[in-house]
Amino acid sequence: MNRHRRSAFHRGPQERSIGRMMITFFALVVVTGAFIIAWLFLADRDLLFATPQQVANPDATPVLARYRFDTAELVAPTRLVTRIDRRTLGNIVKLDLLLPWPYQPGSIPRLPGSSREFNDWIILTFETAPKDELTPVERYGEIYPVYFDGEPEQVDGNLLRYKFKETSPYADLTLFVATVDGSHIVHRCDRKPSVLGPILCERTLSLPGDMRLRMRFARSHLEQWAQIERNVRLALANMFRTIQPG
């Protein structure tokens, strides 16, 4: 009987030590898991490392973050990034960024607080270019003409406006095309307001590294499409670069 008591007495501290180790292990698992979830799904991951002053004061010096795709990366103020789609435990496949117009590097205003304020912002969507998908320019040459409703009309901004037949798959769009140095520049504009407020027009740019950029802006600024595109290309020069896969 005494021998069993001594054995039980010696097991007590050992079992308590194992219990503490298990509690510590599970605590580490929970903390690590929470960090991984935040890292994967928080839109502005670098805010995990931002100072309290930067988080509390959105008008302070913008927090820059590095957003990595398979073949490119974007270095942009976290405040401007509104959406990120990424592979699980992988790189980004799509990212939405709001760009003020006019864009001035180092001067980032507050994000729009109402639908009316979206009139002066450009919505940029960076994404991996889908394979075997026709570009808007290719559609303009190969598909759209079948559905045009009559001849185009010359409008302001050196644009030709094409209306689609009401029975066509593109009846909810109007096409605006400019020709610069022999190249077609195609803008597809909705006919109805978007959920953001204004009627939006979209232009697609091919980027290096098998990337593409969809830029959307208010239809009321379509006549200024050339200035908007220069604005966007200035932002690209400051934010976007290709990288080696891996």
C-alpha atoms as a PDB file:
ATOM      1  CA  MET A   1       0.000   0.000   0.000  1.00  0.00           C
ATOM      2  CA  ASN A   2       2.796   2.482   0.897  1.00  0.00           C
ATOM      3  CA  ARG A   3       4.566   1.610  -2.318  1.00  0.00           C
ATOM      4  CA  HIS A   4       1.457   2.519  -4.346  1.00  0.00           C
ATOM      5  CA  ARG A   5       1.069   5.797  -2.455  1.00  0.00           C
ATOM      6  CA  ARG A   6       4.687   6.755  -3.131  1.00  0.00           C
ATOM      7  CA  SER A   7       4.222   5.921  -6.812  1.00  0.00           C
ATOM      8  CA  ALA A   8       1.112   8.081  -6.990  1.00  0.00           C
ATOM      9  CA  PHE A   9       2.904  10.877  -5.142  1.00  0.00           C
ATOM     10  CA  HIS A  10       5.763  10.862  -7.656  1.00  0.00           C
ATOM     11  CA  ARG A  11       3.342  10.836 -10.601  1.00  0.00           C
ATOM     12  CA  GLY A  12       1.491  13.950  -9.418  1.00  0.00           C
ATOM     13  CA  PRO A  13       4.152  16.616 -10.246  1.00  0.00           C
ATOM     14  CA  GLN A  14       4.971  14.859 -13.514  1.00  0.00           C
ATOM     15  CA  GLU A  15       1.326  14.868 -14.613  1.00  0.00           C
ATOM     16  CA  ARG A  16       0.962  18.531 -13.649  1.00  0.00           C
ATOM     17  CA  SER A  17       4.060  19.366 -15.706  1.00  0.00           C
ATOM     18  CA  ILE A  18       2.637  17.551 -18.731  1.00  0.00           C
ATOM     19  CA  GLY A  19      -0.658  19.390 -18.254  1.00  0.00           C
ATOM     20  CA  ARG A  20       1.093  22.777 -18.249  1.00  0.00           C
ATOM     21  CA  MET A  21       2.991  21.840 -21.389  1.00  0.00           C
ATOM     22  CA  MET A  22      -0.241  20.863 -23.149  1.00  0.00           C
ATOM     23  CA  ILE A  23      -1.942  24.117 -22.144  1.00  0.00           C
ATOM     24  CA  THR A  24       1.045  26.114 -23.416  1.00  0.00           C
ATOM     25  CA  PHE A  25       1.055  24.124 -26.676  1.00  0.00           C
ATOM     26  CA  PHE A  26      -2.648  24.719 -27.345  1.00  0.00           C
ATOM     27  CA  ALA A  27      -2.293  28.419 -26.519  1.00  0.00           C
ATOM     28  CA  LEU A  28       0.509  28.698 -29.078  1.00  0.00           C
ATOM     29  CA  VAL A  29      -1.658  26.892 -31.654  1.00  0.00           C
ATOM     30  CA  VAL A  30      -4.554  29.304 -31.075  1.00  0.00           C
ATOM     31  CA  VAL A  31      -2.330  32.407 -31.293  1.00  0.00           C
ATOM     32  CA  THR A  32      -0.548  31.126 -34.408  1.00  0.00           C
ATOM     33  CA  GLY A  33      -3.848  30.226 -36.049  1.00  0.00           C
ATOM     34  CA  ALA A  34      -5.312  33.662 -35.337  1.00  0.00           C
ATOM     35  CA  PHE A  35      -2.241  35.325 -36.843  1.00  0.00           C
ATOM     36  CA  ILE A  36      -2.430  33.167 -39.970  1.00  0.00           C
ATOM     37  CA  ILE A  37      -6.129  33.976 -40.438  1.00  0.00           C
ATOM     38  CA  ALA A  38      -5.421  37.691 -40.057  1.00  0.00           C
ATOM     39  CA  TRP A  39      -2.497  37.435 -42.480  1.00  0.00           C
ATOM     40  CA  LEU A  40      -4.606  35.681 -45.110  1.00  0.00           C
ATOM     41  CA  PHE A  41      -7.854  37.575 -44.876  1.00  0.00           C
ATOM     42  CA  LEU A  42      -7.084  41.049 -43.567  1.00  0.00           C
ATOM     43  CA  ALA A  43      -7.219  43.386 -46.551  1.00  0.00           C
ATOM     44  CA  ASP A  44      -4.436  45.594 -45.186  1.00  0.00           C
ATOM     45  CA  ARG A  45      -2.041  43.022 -43.793  1.00  0.00           C
ATOM     46  CA  ASP A  46       0.640  45.576 -43.002  1.00  0.00           C
ATOM     47  CA  LEU A  47      -1.715  47.174 -40.488  1.00  0.00           C
ATOM     48  CA  LEU A  48      -0.715  44.253 -38.262  1.00  0.00           C
ATOM     49  CA  PHE A  49       2.622  46.029 -37.932  1.00  0.00           C
ATOM     50  CA  ALA A  50       1.476  49.653 -38.164  1.00  0.00           C
ATOM     51  CA  THR A  51       1.906  51.961 -35.211  1.00  0.00           C
ATOM     52  CA  PRO A  52      -1.191  52.839 -33.137  1.00  0.00           C
ATOM     53  CA  GLN A  53      -0.823  56.441 -34.328  1.00  0.00           C
ATOM     54  CA  GLN A  54      -0.983  55.356 -37.981  1.00  0.00           C
ATOM     55  CA  VAL A  55      -4.071  53.212 -37.400  1.00  0.00           C
ATOM     56  CA  ALA A  56      -5.873  55.852 -35.335  1.00  0.00           C
ATOM     57  CA  ASN A  57      -5.126  58.777 -37.648  1.00  0.00           C
ATOM     58  CA  PRO A  58      -5.996  58.028 -41.298  1.00  0.00           C
ATOM     59  CA  ASP A  59      -4.655  61.430 -42.350  1.00  0.00           C
ATOM     60  CA  ALA A  60      -1.151  60.610 -41.111  1.00  0.00           C
ATOM     61  CA  THR A  61       1.595  59.466 -43.479  1.00  0.00           C
ATOM     62  CA  PRO A  62       0.030  56.548 -45.428  1.00  0.00           C
ATOM     63  CA  VAL A  63       1.063  53.032 -44.457  1.00  0.00           C
ATOM     64  CA  LEU A  64       2.581  51.353 -47.521  1.00  0.00           C
ATOM     65  CA  ALA A  65       2.137  47.640 -48.093  1.00  0.00           C
ATOM     66  CA  ARG A  66       3.609  45.204 -50.580  1.00  0.00           C
ATOM     67  CA  TYR A  67       0.940  43.134 -52.349  1.00  0.00           C
ATOM     68  CA  ARG A  68       2.322  40.145 -54.218  1.00  0.00           C
ATOM     69  CA  PHE A  69       0.873  38.362 -57.243  1.00  0.00           C
ATOM     70  CA  ASP A  70       2.544  35.403 -58.964  1.00  0.00           C
ATOM     71  CA  THR A  71       4.492  37.536 -61.445  1.00  0.00           C
ATOM     72  CA  ALA A  72       4.108  41.086 -60.135  1.00  0.00           C
ATOM     73  CA  GLU A  73       3.798  43.131 -56.993  1.00  0.00           C
ATOM     74  CA  LEU A  74       2.101  46.342 -56.014  1.00  0.00           C
ATOM     75  CA  VAL A  75       3.411  48.768 -53.404  1.00  0.00           C
ATOM     76  CA  ALA A  76       0.491  50.968 -52.424  1.00  0.00           C
ATOM     77  CA  PRO A  77      -1.034  52.835 -49.469  1.00  0.00           C
ATOM     78  CA  THR A  78      -3.120  50.377 -47.477  1.00  0.00           C
ATOM     79  CA  ARG A  79      -5.842  52.993 -47.186  1.00  0.00           C
ATOM     80  CA  LEU A  80      -6.538  52.768 -50.939  1.00  0.00           C
ATOM     81  CA  VAL A  81      -6.851  48.978 -51.111  1.00  0.00           C
ATOM     82  CA  THR A  82     -10.500  47.964 -50.729  1.00  0.00           C
ATOM     83  CA  ARG A  83     -10.542  44.275 -51.664  1.00  0.00           C
ATOM     84  CA  ILE A  84      -8.130  41.358 -51.971  1.00  0.00           C
ATOM     85  CA  ASP A  85      -8.767  37.870 -53.385  1.00  0.00           C
ATOM     86  CA  ARG A  86      -5.990  35.370 -52.826  1.00  0.00           C
ATOM     87  CA  ARG A  87      -5.350  31.679 -53.005  1.00  0.00           C
ATOM     88  CA  THR A  88      -5.360  29.846 -49.700  1.00  0.00           C
ATOM     89  CA  LEU A  89      -1.786  30.094 -48.408  1.00  0.00           C
ATOM     90  CA  GLY A  90      -0.867  31.659 -51.746  1.00  0.00           C
ATOM     91  CA  ASN A  91      -0.410  34.876 -53.662  1.00  0.00           C
ATOM     92  CA  ILE A  92      -3.035  37.436 -54.610  1.00  0.00           C
ATOM     93  CA  VAL A  93      -5.096  36.832 -57.753  1.00  0.00           C
ATOM     94  CA  LYS A  94      -7.213  40.023 -57.689  1.00  0.00           C
ATOM     95  CA  LEU A  95      -6.952  43.354 -55.910  1.00  0.00           C
ATOM     96  CA  ASP A  96      -9.178  46.454 -55.974  1.00  0.00           C
ATOM     97  CA  LEU A  97      -7.665  49.863 -55.353  1.00  0.00           C
ATOM     98  CA  LEU A  98      -9.266  53.315 -55.295  1.00  0.00           C
ATOM     99  CA  LEU A  99      -7.188  55.982 -57.000  1.00  0.00           C
ATOM    100  CA  PRO A 100      -7.946  59.675 -56.467  1.00  0.00           C
ATOM    101  CA  TRP A 101      -8.172  61.829 -59.559  1.00  0.00           C
ATOM    102  CA  PRO A 102      -6.000  63.695 -60.082  1.00  0.00           C
ATOM    103  CA  TYR A 103      -3.438  61.397 -58.470  1.00  0.00           C
ATOM    104  CA  GLN A 104      -0.489  62.990 -56.690  1.00  0.00           C
ATOM    105  CA  PRO A 105       2.077  60.618 -55.145  1.00  0.00           C
ATOM    106  CA  GLY A 106       2.423  61.278 -51.421  1.00  0.00           C
ATOM    107  CA  SER A 107      -0.920  63.060 -51.152  1.00  0.00           C
ATOM    108  CA  ILE A 108      -3.740  60.634 -50.388  1.00  0.00           C
ATOM    109  CA  PRO A 109      -7.160  62.088 -49.496  1.00  0.00           C
ATOM    110  CA  ARG A 110      -9.806  60.337 -47.437  1.00  0.00           C
ATOM    111  CA  LEU A 111     -11.786  57.632 -49.202  1.00  0.00           C
ATOM    112  CA  PRO A 112     -15.179  58.681 -50.582  1.00  0.00           C
ATOM    113  CA  GLY A 113     -17.869  58.717 -47.939  1.00  0.00           C
ATOM    114  CA  SER A 114     -20.887  58.932 -50.252  1.00  0.00           C
ATOM    115  CA  SER A 115     -21.863  57.692 -53.692  1.00  0.00           C
ATOM    116  CA  ARG A 116     -21.584  61.208 -55.129  1.00  0.00           C
ATOM    117  CA  GLU A 117     -17.928  61.407 -54.083  1.00  0.00           C
ATOM    118  CA  PHE A 118     -17.078  58.390 -56.251  1.00  0.00           C
ATOM    119  CA  ASN A 119     -17.336  60.682 -59.271  1.00  0.00           C
ATOM    120  CA  ASP A 120     -13.756  61.807 -58.667  1.00  0.00           C
ATOM    121  CA  TRP A 121     -12.192  58.421 -57.989  1.00  0.00           C
ATOM    122  CA  ILE A 122     -10.880  55.722 -60.311  1.00  0.00           C
ATOM    123  CA  ILE A 123     -11.470  52.081 -59.412  1.00  0.00           C
ATOM    124  CA  LEU A 124      -8.486  49.932 -60.378  1.00  0.00           C
ATOM    125  CA  THR A 125      -8.723  46.139 -60.442  1.00  0.00           C
ATOM    126  CA  PHE A 126      -5.413  44.300 -60.781  1.00  0.00           C
ATOM    127  CA  GLU A 127      -5.746  40.627 -61.700  1.00  0.00           C
ATOM    128  CA  THR A 128      -4.042  37.738 -63.402  1.00  0.00           C
ATOM    129  CA  ALA A 129      -5.103  37.866 -67.046  1.00  0.00           C
ATOM    130  CA  PRO A 130      -7.447  34.965 -67.899  1.00  0.00           C
ATOM    131  CA  LYS A 131      -6.048  32.710 -70.584  1.00  0.00           C
ATOM    132  CA  ASP A 132      -7.839  32.420 -73.943  1.00  0.00           C
ATOM    133  CA  GLU A 133     -10.153  35.352 -73.212  1.00  0.00           C
ATOM    134  CA  LEU A 134     -10.624  38.008 -75.867  1.00  0.00           C
ATOM    135  CA  THR A 135      -9.687  41.551 -74.916  1.00  0.00           C
ATOM    136  CA  PRO A 136     -12.204  44.383 -75.440  1.00  0.00           C
ATOM    137  CA  VAL A 137     -10.188  45.516 -78.470  1.00  0.00           C
ATOM    138  CA  GLU A 138     -10.378  42.010 -79.962  1.00  0.00           C
ATOM    139  CA  ARG A 139     -14.103  41.899 -79.246  1.00  0.00           C
ATOM    140  CA  TYR A 140     -14.454  45.266 -80.987  1.00  0.00           C
ATOM    141  CA  GLY A 141     -12.892  43.794 -84.107  1.00  0.00           C
ATOM    142  CA  GLU A 142     -14.456  40.317 -84.059  1.00  0.00           C
ATOM    143  CA  ILE A 143     -17.695  40.204 -82.058  1.00  0.00           C
ATOM    144  CA  TYR A 144     -19.258  43.581 -81.259  1.00  0.00           C
ATOM    145  CA  PRO A 145     -19.942  44.666 -84.883  1.00  0.00           C
ATOM    146  CA  VAL A 146     -22.560  41.913 -85.238  1.00  0.00           C
ATOM    147  CA  TYR A 147     -24.620  43.570 -82.501  1.00  0.00           C
ATOM    148  CA  PHE A 148     -24.153  47.271 -83.334  1.00  0.00           C
ATOM    149  CA  ASP A 149     -27.335  49.252 -83.849  1.00  0.00           C
ATOM    150  CA  GLY A 150     -26.465  51.345 -86.890  1.00  0.00           C
ATOM    151  CA  GLU A 151     -23.458  53.534 -87.618  1.00  0.00           C
ATOM    152  CA  PRO A 152     -21.310  55.114 -84.869  1.00  0.00           C
ATOM    153  CA  GLU A 153     -21.725  58.724 -83.816  1.00  0.00           C
ATOM    154  CA  GLN A 154     -18.851  61.159 -83.258  1.00  0.00           C
ATOM    155  CA  VAL A 155     -18.947  62.609 -79.711  1.00  0.00           C
ATOM    156  CA  ASP A 156     -16.733  64.817 -77.543  1.00  0.00           C
ATOM    157  CA  GLY A 157     -13.327  63.483 -76.563  1.00  0.00           C
ATOM    158  CA  ASN A 158     -12.534  62.299 -80.110  1.00  0.00           C
ATOM    159  CA  LEU A 159     -14.667  59.228 -79.459  1.00  0.00           C
ATOM    160  CA  LEU A 160     -16.995  57.195 -81.631  1.00  0.00           C
ATOM    161  CA  ARG A 161     -20.128  56.047 -79.822  1.00  0.00           C
ATOM    162  CA  TYR A 162     -21.603  52.675 -80.737  1.00  0.00           C
ATOM    163  CA  LYS A 163     -25.038  51.627 -79.539  1.00  0.00           C
ATOM    164  CA  PHE A 164     -25.977  47.972 -79.271  1.00  0.00           C
ATOM    165  CA  LYS A 165     -29.264  46.474 -80.394  1.00  0.00           C
ATOM    166  CA  GLU A 166     -31.779  46.112 -77.603  1.00  0.00           C
ATOM    167  CA  THR A 167     -32.005  42.370 -78.315  1.00  0.00           C
ATOM    168  CA  SER A 168     -28.228  41.838 -78.139  1.00  0.00           C
ATOM    169  CA  PRO A 169     -26.262  40.400 -75.183  1.00  0.00           C
ATOM    170  CA  TYR A 170     -24.686  43.858 -74.788  1.00  0.00           C
ATOM    171  CA  ALA A 171     -27.886  45.899 -74.641  1.00  0.00           C
ATOM    172  CA  ASP A 172     -26.926  47.271 -71.211  1.00  0.00           C
ATOM    173  CA  LEU A 173     -23.667  48.755 -72.588  1.00  0.00           C
ATOM    174  CA  THR A 174     -22.592  51.614 -74.830  1.00  0.00           C
ATOM    175  CA  LEU A 175     -19.228  51.432 -76.555  1.00  0.00           C
ATOM    176  CA  PHE A 176     -16.907  54.432 -76.969  1.00  0.00           C
ATOM    177  CA  VAL A 177     -13.821  54.014 -79.150  1.00  0.00           C
ATOM    178  CA  ALA A 178     -10.876  56.310 -79.788  1.00  0.00           C
ATOM    179  CA  THR A 179      -8.095  55.705 -82.303  1.00  0.00           C
ATOM    180  CA  VAL A 180      -4.592  56.844 -81.359  1.00  0.00           C
ATOM    181  CA  ASP A 181      -1.631  56.157 -83.656  1.00  0.00           C
ATOM    182  CA  GLY A 182      -3.573  53.387 -85.354  1.00  0.00           C
ATOM    183  CA  SER A 183      -4.519  51.624 -82.098  1.00  0.00           C
ATOM    184  CA  HIS A 184      -8.069  51.347 -80.825  1.00  0.00           C
ATOM    185  CA  ILE A 185      -8.863  52.409 -77.270  1.00  0.00           C
ATOM    186  CA  VAL A 186     -12.157  50.878 -76.159  1.00  0.00           C
ATOM    187  CA  HIS A 187     -14.332  52.063 -73.284  1.00  0.00           C
ATOM    188  CA  ARG A 188     -17.402  50.067 -72.290  1.00  0.00           C
ATOM    189  CA  CYS A 189     -19.913  52.187 -70.392  1.00  0.00           C
ATOM    190  CA  ASP A 190     -22.925  50.979 -68.451  1.00  0.00           C
ATOM    191  CA  ARG A 191     -26.291  52.479 -69.259  1.00  0.00           C
ATOM    192  CA  LYS A 192     -27.483  52.349 -65.655  1.00  0.00           C
ATOM    193  CA  PRO A 193     -25.930  53.664 -62.429  1.00  0.00           C
ATOM    194  CA  SER A 194     -23.724  51.268 -60.472  1.00  0.00           C
ATOM    195  CA  VAL A 195     -24.131  50.336 -56.813  1.00  0.00           C
ATOM    196  CA  LEU A 196     -21.408  52.912 -56.108  1.00  0.00           C
ATOM    197  CA  GLY A 197     -23.590  55.688 -57.455  1.00  0.00           C
ATOM    198  CA  PRO A 198     -22.357  56.972 -60.827  1.00  0.00           C
ATOM    199  CA  ILE A 199     -22.674  55.311 -64.202  1.00  0.00           C
ATOM    200  CA  LEU A 200     -19.276  53.692 -64.788  1.00  0.00           C
ATOM    201  CA  CYS A 201     -17.067  53.276 -67.850  1.00  0.00           C
ATOM    202  CA  GLU A 202     -14.386  50.607 -68.064  1.00  0.00           C
ATOM    203  CA  ARG A 203     -11.102  50.423 -69.931  1.00  0.00           C
ATOM    204  CA  THR A 204      -8.801  47.380 -69.808  1.00  0.00           C
ATOM    205  CA  LEU A 205      -5.015  47.618 -69.961  1.00  0.00           C
ATOM    206  CA  SER A 206      -2.622  44.722 -70.496  1.00  0.00           C
ATOM    207  CA  LEU A 207       0.247  44.748 -67.992  1.00  0.00           C
ATOM    208  CA  PRO A 208       3.587  42.909 -67.990  1.00  0.00           C
ATOM    209  CA  GLY A 209       3.783  39.554 -66.266  1.00  0.00           C
ATOM    210  CA  ASP A 210       0.500  38.244 -67.703  1.00  0.00           C
ATOM    211  CA  MET A 211      -1.418  40.769 -65.626  1.00  0.00           C
ATOM    212  CA  ARG A 212      -4.255  43.051 -66.611  1.00  0.00           C
ATOM    213  CA  LEU A 213      -5.769  46.200 -65.174  1.00  0.00           C
ATOM    214  CA  ARG A 214      -9.444  47.129 -65.354  1.00  0.00           C
ATOM    215  CA  MET A 215      -9.917  50.838 -64.715  1.00  0.00           C
ATOM    216  CA  ARG A 216     -13.414  52.181 -64.039  1.00  0.00           C
ATOM    217  CA  PHE A 217     -14.476  55.781 -63.664  1.00  0.00           C
ATOM    218  CA  ALA A 218     -17.603  57.931 -63.783  1.00  0.00           C
ATOM    219  CA  ARG A 219     -19.272  58.304 -67.166  1.00  0.00           C
ATOM    220  CA  SER A 220     -19.377  62.079 -66.587  1.00  0.00           C
ATOM    221  CA  HIS A 221     -15.567  62.126 -67.017  1.00  0.00           C
ATOM    222  CA  LEU A 222     -15.449  60.115 -70.238  1.00  0.00           C
ATOM    223  CA  GLU A 223     -14.465  63.153 -72.323  1.00  0.00           C
ATOM    224  CA  GLN A 224     -11.336  63.337 -70.147  1.00  0.00           C
ATOM    225  CA  TRP A 225     -10.384  59.719 -70.750  1.00  0.00           C
ATOM    226  CA  ALA A 226      -6.882  60.654 -71.986  1.00  0.00           C
ATOM    227  CA  GLN A 227      -6.069  62.615 -68.810  1.00  0.00           C
ATOM    228  CA  ILE A 228      -7.453  59.788 -66.680  1.00  0.00           C
ATOM    229  CA  GLU A 229      -5.274  57.253 -68.472  1.00  0.00           C
ATOM    230  CA  ARG A 230      -2.186  59.424 -67.953  1.00  0.00           C
ATOM    231  CA  ASN A 231      -3.156  59.647 -64.304  1.00  0.00           C
ATOM    232  CA  VAL A 232      -3.390  55.864 -64.026  1.00  0.00           C
ATOM    233  CA  ARG A 233      -0.088  55.296 -65.830  1.00  0.00           C
ATOM    234  CA  LEU A 234       1.612  57.708 -63.422  1.00  0.00           C
ATOM    235  CA  ALA A 235       0.270  55.626 -60.530  1.00  0.00           C
ATOM    236  CA  LEU A 236       1.462  52.416 -62.202  1.00  0.00           C
ATOM    237  CA  ALA A 237       4.956  53.833 -62.571  1.00  0.00           C
ATOM    238  CA  ASN A 238       5.003  54.459 -58.810  1.00  0.00           C
ATOM    239  CA  MET A 239       3.272  51.298 -57.590  1.00  0.00           C
ATOM    240  CA  PHE A 240       3.578  48.381 -60.010  1.00  0.00           C
ATOM    241  CA  ARG A 241       6.514  46.188 -61.002  1.00  0.00           C
ATOM    242  CA  THR A 242       7.010  42.665 -62.314  1.00  0.00           C
ATOM    243  CA  ILE A 243       8.898  40.046 -60.314  1.00  0.00           C
ATOM    244  CA  GLN A 244      10.312  36.604 -60.924  1.00  0.00           C
ATOM    245  CA  PRO A 245       7.855  33.809 -60.045  1.00  0.00           C
ATOM    246  CA  GLY A 246       8.692  31.785 -56.985  1.00  0.00           C
END
